[in-house]
PDB file of all heavy atoms in Angstrom:
ATOM      1  N   VAL A   1      35.909-115.301 -51.515  1.00  0.00           N
ATOM      2  CA  VAL A   1      36.714-116.170 -52.354  1.00  0.00           C
ATOM      3  C   VAL A   1      36.124-116.214 -53.756  1.00  0.00           C
ATOM      4  O   VAL A   1      34.921-116.366 -53.932  1.00  0.00           O
ATOM      5  CB  VAL A   1      36.766-117.599 -51.771  1.00  0.00           C
ATOM      6  CG1 VAL A   1      37.544-118.527 -52.694  1.00  0.00           C
ATOM      7  CG2 VAL A   1      37.414-117.572 -50.398  1.00  0.00           C
ATOM      8  N   LEU A   2      36.980-116.091 -54.753  1.00  0.00           N
ATOM      9  CA  LEU A   2      36.561-116.214 -56.146  1.00  0.00           C
ATOM     10  C   LEU A   2      36.852-117.634 -56.599  1.00  0.00           C
ATOM     11  O   LEU A   2      37.992-118.074 -56.604  1.00  0.00           O
ATOM     12  CB  LEU A   2      37.348-115.228 -57.019  1.00  0.00           C
ATOM     13  CG  LEU A   2      37.145-115.331 -58.533  1.00  0.00           C
ATOM     14  CD1 LEU A   2      35.701-115.013 -58.872  1.00  0.00           C
ATOM     15  CD2 LEU A   2      38.087-114.410 -59.264  1.00  0.00           C
ATOM     16  N   THR A   3      35.805-118.377 -56.966  1.00  0.00           N
ATOM     17  CA  THR A   3      36.033-119.738 -57.448  1.00  0.00           C
ATOM     18  C   THR A   3      36.716-119.681 -58.805  1.00  0.00           C
ATOM     19  O   THR A   3      36.485-118.795 -59.597  1.00  0.00           O
ATOM     20  CB  THR A   3      34.715-120.509 -57.580  1.00  0.00           C
ATOM     21  OG1 THR A   3      33.954-119.928 -58.629  1.00  0.00           O
ATOM     22  CG2 THR A   3      33.923-120.475 -56.290  1.00  0.00           C
ATOM     23  N   ALA A   4      37.545-120.671 -59.094  1.00  0.00           N
ATOM     24  CA  ALA A   4      38.281-120.687 -60.360  1.00  0.00           C
ATOM     25  C   ALA A   4      37.338-120.746 -61.548  1.00  0.00           C
ATOM     26  O   ALA A   4      37.553-120.112 -62.580  1.00  0.00           O
ATOM     27  CB  ALA A   4      39.242-121.879 -60.379  1.00  0.00           C
ATOM     28  N   THR A   5      36.262-121.522 -61.406  1.00  0.00           N
ATOM     29  CA  THR A   5      35.313-121.643 -62.517  1.00  0.00           C
ATOM     30  C   THR A   5      34.638-120.317 -62.800  1.00  0.00           C
ATOM     31  O   THR A   5      34.492-119.889 -63.949  1.00  0.00           O
ATOM     32  CB  THR A   5      34.244-122.702 -62.193  1.00  0.00           C
ATOM     33  OG1 THR A   5      34.894-123.946 -61.959  1.00  0.00           O
ATOM     34  CG2 THR A   5      33.268-122.855 -63.345  1.00  0.00           C
ATOM     35  N   ALA A   6      34.226-119.635 -61.765  1.00  0.00           N
ATOM     36  CA  ALA A   6      33.552-118.351 -61.953  1.00  0.00           C
ATOM     37  C   ALA A   6      34.486-117.333 -62.587  1.00  0.00           C
ATOM     38  O   ALA A   6      34.096-116.594 -63.496  1.00  0.00           O
ATOM     39  CB  ALA A   6      33.034-117.829 -60.616  1.00  0.00           C
ATOM     40  N   LEU A   7      35.735-117.280 -62.120  1.00  0.00           N
ATOM     41  CA  LEU A   7      36.685-116.323 -62.666  1.00  0.00           C
ATOM     42  C   LEU A   7      36.949-116.594 -64.147  1.00  0.00           C
ATOM     43  O   LEU A   7      37.041-115.674 -64.950  1.00  0.00           O
ATOM     44  CB  LEU A   7      38.004-116.399 -61.885  1.00  0.00           C
ATOM     45  CG  LEU A   7      39.126-115.472 -62.357  1.00  0.00           C
ATOM     46  CD1 LEU A   7      38.679-114.036 -62.270  1.00  0.00           C
ATOM     47  CD2 LEU A   7      40.384-115.709 -61.544  1.00  0.00           C
ATOM     48  N   ALA A   8      36.996-117.868 -64.507  1.00  0.00           N
ATOM     49  CA  ALA A   8      37.307-118.215 -65.893  1.00  0.00           C
ATOM     50  C   ALA A   8      36.185-117.851 -66.841  1.00  0.00           C
ATOM     51  O   ALA A   8      36.410-117.639 -68.030  1.00  0.00           O
ATOM     52  CB  ALA A   8      37.599-119.720 -65.994  1.00  0.00           C
ATOM     53  N   THR A   9      34.959-117.790 -66.342  1.00  0.00           N
ATOM     54  CA  THR A   9      33.826-117.577 -67.244  1.00  0.00           C
ATOM     55  C   THR A   9      33.308-116.159 -67.238  1.00  0.00           C
ATOM     56  O   THR A   9      32.500-115.791 -68.077  1.00  0.00           O
ATOM     57  CB  THR A   9      32.660-118.512 -66.868  1.00  0.00           C
ATOM     58  OG1 THR A   9      32.289-118.263 -65.510  1.00  0.00           O
ATOM     59  CG2 THR A   9      33.073-119.969 -67.026  1.00  0.00           C
ATOM     60  N   TRP A  10      33.771-115.325 -66.313  1.00  0.00           N
ATOM     61  CA  TRP A  10      33.321-113.931 -66.321  1.00  0.00           C
ATOM     62  C   TRP A  10      34.190-113.126 -67.264  1.00  0.00           C
ATOM     63  O   TRP A  10      35.403-113.279 -67.324  1.00  0.00           O
ATOM     64  CB  TRP A  10      33.399-113.323 -64.923  1.00  0.00           C
ATOM     65  CG  TRP A  10      32.912-111.898 -64.925  1.00  0.00           C
ATOM     66  CD1 TRP A  10      31.625-111.486 -64.865  1.00  0.00           C
ATOM     67  CD2 TRP A  10      33.723-110.721 -65.024  1.00  0.00           C
ATOM     68  NE1 TRP A  10      31.563-110.115 -64.919  1.00  0.00           N
ATOM     69  CE2 TRP A  10      32.840-109.613 -65.011  1.00  0.00           C
ATOM     70  CE3 TRP A  10      35.085-110.476 -65.124  1.00  0.00           C
ATOM     71  CZ2 TRP A  10      33.271-108.302 -65.083  1.00  0.00           C
ATOM     72  CZ3 TRP A  10      35.518-109.171 -65.204  1.00  0.00           C
ATOM     73  CH2 TRP A  10      34.621-108.103 -65.172  1.00  0.00           C
ATOM     74  N   ALA A  11      33.548-112.257 -68.069  1.00  0.00           N
ATOM     75  CA  ALA A  11      34.291-111.390 -68.975  1.00  0.00           C
ATOM     76  C   ALA A  11      33.734-109.987 -68.897  1.00  0.00           C
ATOM     77  O   ALA A  11      32.538-109.787 -68.987  1.00  0.00           O
ATOM     78  CB  ALA A  11      34.199-111.911 -70.411  1.00  0.00           C
ATOM     79  N   ALA A  12      34.615-109.027 -68.686  1.00  0.00           N
ATOM     80  CA  ALA A  12      34.177-107.631 -68.707  1.00  0.00           C
ATOM     81  C   ALA A  12      33.822-107.236 -70.129  1.00  0.00           C
ATOM     82  O   ALA A  12      34.322-107.818 -71.088  1.00  0.00           O
ATOM     83  CB  ALA A  12      35.303-106.732 -68.192  1.00  0.00           C
ATOM     84  N   PRO A  13      32.935-106.266 -70.324  1.00  0.00           N
ATOM     85  CA  PRO A  13      32.619-105.801 -71.674  1.00  0.00           C
ATOM     86  C   PRO A  13      33.875-105.355 -72.417  1.00  0.00           C
ATOM     87  O   PRO A  13      34.723-104.669 -71.863  1.00  0.00           O
ATOM     88  CB  PRO A  13      31.674-104.610 -71.424  1.00  0.00           C
ATOM     89  CG  PRO A  13      31.062-104.893 -70.092  1.00  0.00           C
ATOM     90  CD  PRO A  13      32.133-105.582 -69.295  1.00  0.00           C
ATOM     91  N   ALA A  14      33.992-105.810 -73.690  1.00  0.00           N
ATOM     92  CA  ALA A  14      35.192-105.512 -74.469  1.00  0.00           C
ATOM     93  C   ALA A  14      35.072-104.119 -75.087  1.00  0.00           C
ATOM     94  O   ALA A  14      34.407-103.933 -76.079  1.00  0.00           O
ATOM     95  CB  ALA A  14      35.370-106.566 -75.559  1.00  0.00           C
ATOM     96  N   LEU A  15      35.724-103.148 -74.459  1.00  0.00           N
ATOM     97  CA  LEU A  15      35.587-101.764 -74.885  1.00  0.00           C
ATOM     98  C   LEU A  15      36.743-101.292 -75.756  1.00  0.00           C
ATOM     99  O   LEU A  15      36.873-100.114 -76.029  1.00  0.00           O
ATOM    100  CB  LEU A  15      35.468-100.857 -73.659  1.00  0.00           C
ATOM    101  CG  LEU A  15      34.324-101.151 -72.701  1.00  0.00           C
ATOM    102  CD1 LEU A  15      34.319-100.131 -71.573  1.00  0.00           C
ATOM    103  CD2 LEU A  15      32.985-101.146 -73.421  1.00  0.00           C
ATOM    104  N   ALA A  16      37.613-102.210 -76.193  1.00  0.00           N
ATOM    105  CA  ALA A  16      38.799-101.800 -76.937  1.00  0.00           C
ATOM    106  C   ALA A  16      38.582-101.782 -78.439  1.00  0.00           C
ATOM    107  O   ALA A  16      39.533-101.716 -79.198  1.00  0.00           O
ATOM    108  CB  ALA A  16      39.959-102.728 -76.597  1.00  0.00           C
ATOM    109  N   ALA A  17      37.336-101.871 -78.898  1.00  0.00           N
ATOM    110  CA  ALA A  17      37.048-101.850 -80.330  1.00  0.00           C
ATOM    111  C   ALA A  17      37.084-100.423 -80.838  1.00  0.00           C
ATOM    112  O   ALA A  17      37.740 -99.561 -80.254  1.00  0.00           O
ATOM    113  CB  ALA A  17      35.692-102.505 -80.580  1.00  0.00           C
ATOM    114  N   GLY A  18      36.388-100.147 -81.955  1.00  0.00           N
ATOM    115  CA  GLY A  18      36.379 -98.805 -82.514  1.00  0.00           C
ATOM    116  C   GLY A  18      35.838 -97.782 -81.531  1.00  0.00           C
ATOM    117  O   GLY A  18      35.090 -98.116 -80.615  1.00  0.00           O
ATOM    118  N   PRO A  19      36.177 -96.522 -81.719  1.00  0.00           N
ATOM    119  CA  PRO A  19      35.764 -95.491 -80.766  1.00  0.00           C
ATOM    120  C   PRO A  19      34.258 -95.271 -80.724  1.00  0.00           C
ATOM    121  O   PRO A  19      33.733 -94.840 -79.705  1.00  0.00           O
ATOM    122  CB  PRO A  19      36.495 -94.241 -81.266  1.00  0.00           C
ATOM    123  CG  PRO A  19      36.816 -94.524 -82.701  1.00  0.00           C
ATOM    124  CD  PRO A  19      37.043 -95.993 -82.780  1.00  0.00           C
ATOM    125  N   ALA A  20      33.550 -95.563 -81.797  1.00  0.00           N
ATOM    126  CA  ALA A  20      32.101 -95.312 -81.800  1.00  0.00           C
ATOM    127  C   ALA A  20      31.385 -96.202 -80.801  1.00  0.00           C
ATOM    128  O   ALA A  20      30.499 -95.756 -80.070  1.00  0.00           O
ATOM    129  CB  ALA A  20      31.534 -95.514 -83.201  1.00  0.00           C
ATOM    130  N   ALA A  21      31.760 -97.479 -80.747  1.00  0.00           N
ATOM    131  CA  ALA A  21      31.129 -98.390 -79.791  1.00  0.00           C
ATOM    132  C   ALA A  21      31.468 -98.007 -78.362  1.00  0.00           C
ATOM    133  O   ALA A  21      30.604 -98.013 -77.482  1.00  0.00           O
ATOM    134  CB  ALA A  21      31.560 -99.827 -80.065  1.00  0.00           C
ATOM    135  N   SER A  22      32.726 -97.664 -78.117  1.00  0.00           N
ATOM    136  CA  SER A  22      33.131 -97.254 -76.779  1.00  0.00           C
ATOM    137  C   SER A  22      32.353 -96.021 -76.323  1.00  0.00           C
ATOM    138  O   SER A  22      31.890 -95.950 -75.182  1.00  0.00           O
ATOM    139  CB  SER A  22      34.630 -96.958 -76.752  1.00  0.00           C
ATOM    140  OG  SER A  22      35.376 -98.110 -77.057  1.00  0.00           O
ATOM    141  N   ALA A  23      32.198 -95.058 -77.213  1.00  0.00           N
ATOM    142  CA  ALA A  23      31.476 -93.838 -76.863  1.00  0.00           C
ATOM    143  C   ALA A  23      30.003 -94.120 -76.609  1.00  0.00           C
ATOM    144  O   ALA A  23      29.402 -93.569 -75.682  1.00  0.00           O
ATOM    145  CB  ALA A  23      31.630 -92.808 -77.983  1.00  0.00           C
ATOM    146  N   ALA A  24      29.411 -94.996 -77.420  1.00  0.00           N
ATOM    147  CA  ALA A  24      27.994 -95.316 -77.244  1.00  0.00           C
ATOM    148  C   ALA A  24      27.757 -96.054 -75.937  1.00  0.00           C
ATOM    149  O   ALA A  24      26.787 -95.784 -75.214  1.00  0.00           O
ATOM    150  CB  ALA A  24      27.497 -96.141 -78.424  1.00  0.00           C
ATOM    151  N   LEU A  25      28.628 -96.995 -75.610  1.00  0.00           N
ATOM    152  CA  LEU A  25      28.489 -97.709 -74.346  1.00  0.00           C
ATOM    153  C   LEU A  25      28.646 -96.763 -73.163  1.00  0.00           C
ATOM    154  O   LEU A  25      27.903 -96.845 -72.176  1.00  0.00           O
ATOM    155  CB  LEU A  25      29.526 -98.831 -74.259  1.00  0.00           C
ATOM    156  CG  LEU A  25      29.249-100.061 -75.143  1.00  0.00           C
ATOM    157  CD1 LEU A  25      30.484-100.928 -75.249  1.00  0.00           C
ATOM    158  CD2 LEU A  25      28.081-100.860 -74.579  1.00  0.00           C
ATOM    159  N   ALA A  26      29.602 -95.850 -73.249  1.00  0.00           N
ATOM    160  CA  ALA A  26      29.834 -94.904 -72.154  1.00  0.00           C
ATOM    161  C   ALA A  26      28.652 -93.965 -71.951  1.00  0.00           C
ATOM    162  O   ALA A  26      28.413 -93.487 -70.837  1.00  0.00           O
ATOM    163  CB  ALA A  26      31.102 -94.101 -72.421  1.00  0.00           C
ATOM    164  N   ALA A  27      27.904 -93.698 -73.023  1.00  0.00           N
ATOM    165  CA  ALA A  27      26.776 -92.770 -72.924  1.00  0.00           C
ATOM    166  C   ALA A  27      25.521 -93.421 -72.364  1.00  0.00           C
ATOM    167  O   ALA A  27      24.569 -92.727 -71.999  1.00  0.00           O
ATOM    168  CB  ALA A  27      26.470 -92.184 -74.302  1.00  0.00           C
ATOM    169  N   ASN A  28      25.512 -94.742 -72.291  1.00  0.00           N
ATOM    170  CA  ASN A  28      24.343 -95.461 -71.797  1.00  0.00           C
ATOM    171  C   ASN A  28      24.525 -95.886 -70.341  1.00  0.00           C
ATOM    172  O   ASN A  28      25.612 -95.789 -69.771  1.00  0.00           O
ATOM    173  CB  ASN A  28      24.089 -96.684 -72.670  1.00  0.00           C
ATOM    174  CG  ASN A  28      23.421 -96.326 -73.978  1.00  0.00           C
ATOM    175  OD1 ASN A  28      22.385 -95.678 -73.996  1.00  0.00           O
ATOM    176  ND2 ASN A  28      24.021 -96.735 -75.091  1.00  0.00           N
ATOM    177  N   GLN A  29      23.423 -96.367 -69.761  1.00  0.00           N
ATOM    178  CA  GLN A  29      23.492 -96.870 -68.389  1.00  0.00           C
ATOM    179  C   GLN A  29      24.525 -97.993 -68.310  1.00  0.00           C
ATOM    180  O   GLN A  29      24.556 -98.882 -69.156  1.00  0.00           O
ATOM    181  CB  GLN A  29      22.133 -97.400 -67.940  1.00  0.00           C
ATOM    182  CG  GLN A  29      22.142 -97.926 -66.512  1.00  0.00           C
ATOM    183  CD  GLN A  29      20.831 -98.591 -66.120  1.00  0.00           C
ATOM    184  OE1 GLN A  29      19.984 -98.836 -66.956  1.00  0.00           O
ATOM    185  NE2 GLN A  29      20.673 -98.875 -64.844  1.00  0.00           N
ATOM    186  N   ALA A  30      25.358 -97.975 -67.299  1.00  0.00           N
ATOM    187  CA  ALA A  30      26.399 -98.987 -67.148  1.00  0.00           C
ATOM    188  C   ALA A  30      25.795-100.344 -66.793  1.00  0.00           C
ATOM    189  O   ALA A  30      24.733-100.430 -66.170  1.00  0.00           O
ATOM    190  CB  ALA A  30      27.394 -98.568 -66.073  1.00  0.00           C
ATOM    191  N   SER A  31      26.487-101.386 -67.195  1.00  0.00           N
ATOM    192  CA  SER A  31      26.077-102.741 -66.853  1.00  0.00           C
ATOM    193  C   SER A  31      26.128-102.953 -65.347  1.00  0.00           C
ATOM    194  O   SER A  31      27.003-102.434 -64.650  1.00  0.00           O
ATOM    195  CB  SER A  31      27.011-103.740 -67.536  1.00  0.00           C
ATOM    196  OG  SER A  31      26.811-105.049 -67.032  1.00  0.00           O
ATOM    197  N   HIS A  32      25.172-103.731 -64.843  1.00  0.00           N
ATOM    198  CA  HIS A  32      25.170-104.077 -63.421  1.00  0.00           C
ATOM    199  C   HIS A  32      26.215-105.142 -63.106  1.00  0.00           C
ATOM    200  O   HIS A  32      26.623-105.324 -61.953  1.00  0.00           O
ATOM    201  CB  HIS A  32      23.796-104.607 -62.997  1.00  0.00           C
ATOM    202  CG  HIS A  32      23.430-105.906 -63.663  1.00  0.00           C
ATOM    203  ND1 HIS A  32      22.749-105.963 -64.861  1.00  0.00           N
ATOM    204  CD2 HIS A  32      23.675-107.200 -63.323  1.00  0.00           C
ATOM    205  CE1 HIS A  32      22.565-107.224 -65.213  1.00  0.00           C
ATOM    206  NE2 HIS A  32      23.134-107.992 -64.301  1.00  0.00           N
ATOM    207  N   ASP A  33      26.683-105.885 -64.115  1.00  0.00           N
ATOM    208  CA  ASP A  33      27.554-107.036 -63.894  1.00  0.00           C
ATOM    209  C   ASP A  33      28.977-106.588 -63.594  1.00  0.00           C
ATOM    210  O   ASP A  33      29.496-105.662 -64.227  1.00  0.00           O
ATOM    211  CB  ASP A  33      27.535-107.923 -65.130  1.00  0.00           C
ATOM    212  CG  ASP A  33      28.211-109.255 -64.898  1.00  0.00           C
ATOM    213  OD1 ASP A  33      28.054-109.805 -63.790  1.00  0.00           O
ATOM    214  OD2 ASP A  33      28.899-109.746 -65.808  1.00  0.00           O
ATOM    215  N   SER A  34      29.614-107.243 -62.638  1.00  0.00           N
ATOM    216  CA  SER A  34      30.997-106.943 -62.291  1.00  0.00           C
ATOM    217  C   SER A  34      31.691-108.216 -61.840  1.00  0.00           C
ATOM    218  O   SER A  34      31.053-109.234 -61.562  1.00  0.00           O
ATOM    219  CB  SER A  34      31.060-105.901 -61.169  1.00  0.00           C
ATOM    220  OG  SER A  34      30.587-106.459 -59.965  1.00  0.00           O
ATOM    221  N   ALA A  35      33.025-108.167 -61.757  1.00  0.00           N
ATOM    222  CA  ALA A  35      33.787-109.341 -61.330  1.00  0.00           C
ATOM    223  C   ALA A  35      33.376-109.792 -59.942  1.00  0.00           C
ATOM    224  O   ALA A  35      33.359-110.992 -59.633  1.00  0.00           O
ATOM    225  CB  ALA A  35      35.279-109.027 -61.377  1.00  0.00           C
ATOM    226  N   ALA A  36      33.015-108.854 -59.093  1.00  0.00           N
ATOM    227  CA  ALA A  36      32.629-109.203 -57.724  1.00  0.00           C
ATOM    228  C   ALA A  36      31.385-110.083 -57.675  1.00  0.00           C
ATOM    229  O   ALA A  36      31.218-110.885 -56.745  1.00  0.00           O
ATOM    230  CB  ALA A  36      32.399-107.927 -56.913  1.00  0.00           C
ATOM    231  N   ASP A  37      30.514-109.945 -58.687  1.00  0.00           N
ATOM    232  CA  ASP A  37      29.304-110.766 -58.714  1.00  0.00           C
ATOM    233  C   ASP A  37      29.623-112.242 -58.878  1.00  0.00           C
ATOM    234  O   ASP A  37      28.816-113.106 -58.515  1.00  0.00           O
ATOM    235  CB  ASP A  37      28.388-110.329 -59.863  1.00  0.00           C
ATOM    236  CG  ASP A  37      27.887-108.915 -59.712  1.00  0.00           C
ATOM    237  OD1 ASP A  37      27.946-108.385 -58.590  1.00  0.00           O
ATOM    238  OD2 ASP A  37      27.458-108.330 -60.726  1.00  0.00           O
ATOM    239  N   HIS A  38      30.802-112.538 -59.430  1.00  0.00           N
ATOM    240  CA  HIS A  38      31.176-113.914 -59.728  1.00  0.00           C
ATOM    241  C   HIS A  38      32.109-114.480 -58.656  1.00  0.00           C
ATOM    242  O   HIS A  38      32.827-115.453 -58.900  1.00  0.00           O
ATOM    243  CB  HIS A  38      31.821-113.969 -61.107  1.00  0.00           C
ATOM    244  CG  HIS A  38      30.929-113.458 -62.200  1.00  0.00           C
ATOM    245  ND1 HIS A  38      30.375-114.267 -63.161  1.00  0.00           N
ATOM    246  CD2 HIS A  38      30.471-112.204 -62.464  1.00  0.00           C
ATOM    247  CE1 HIS A  38      29.620-113.536 -63.977  1.00  0.00           C
ATOM    248  NE2 HIS A  38      29.672-112.275 -63.564  1.00  0.00           N
TER     249      HIS A  38
END
C-alpha cells in the first residue's frame, strides 16, 4: 500500500530540462530512490 502522504512527497528526478543535464544524468550511476521506496 502506498500511503497518501508518501506519494505526495516523493518526486522522480526532473529530466525534462535541457538536453545537457539529461545526458549527464544518464551517463552517471542511477539514483537508488524509486516510487516503490515510498
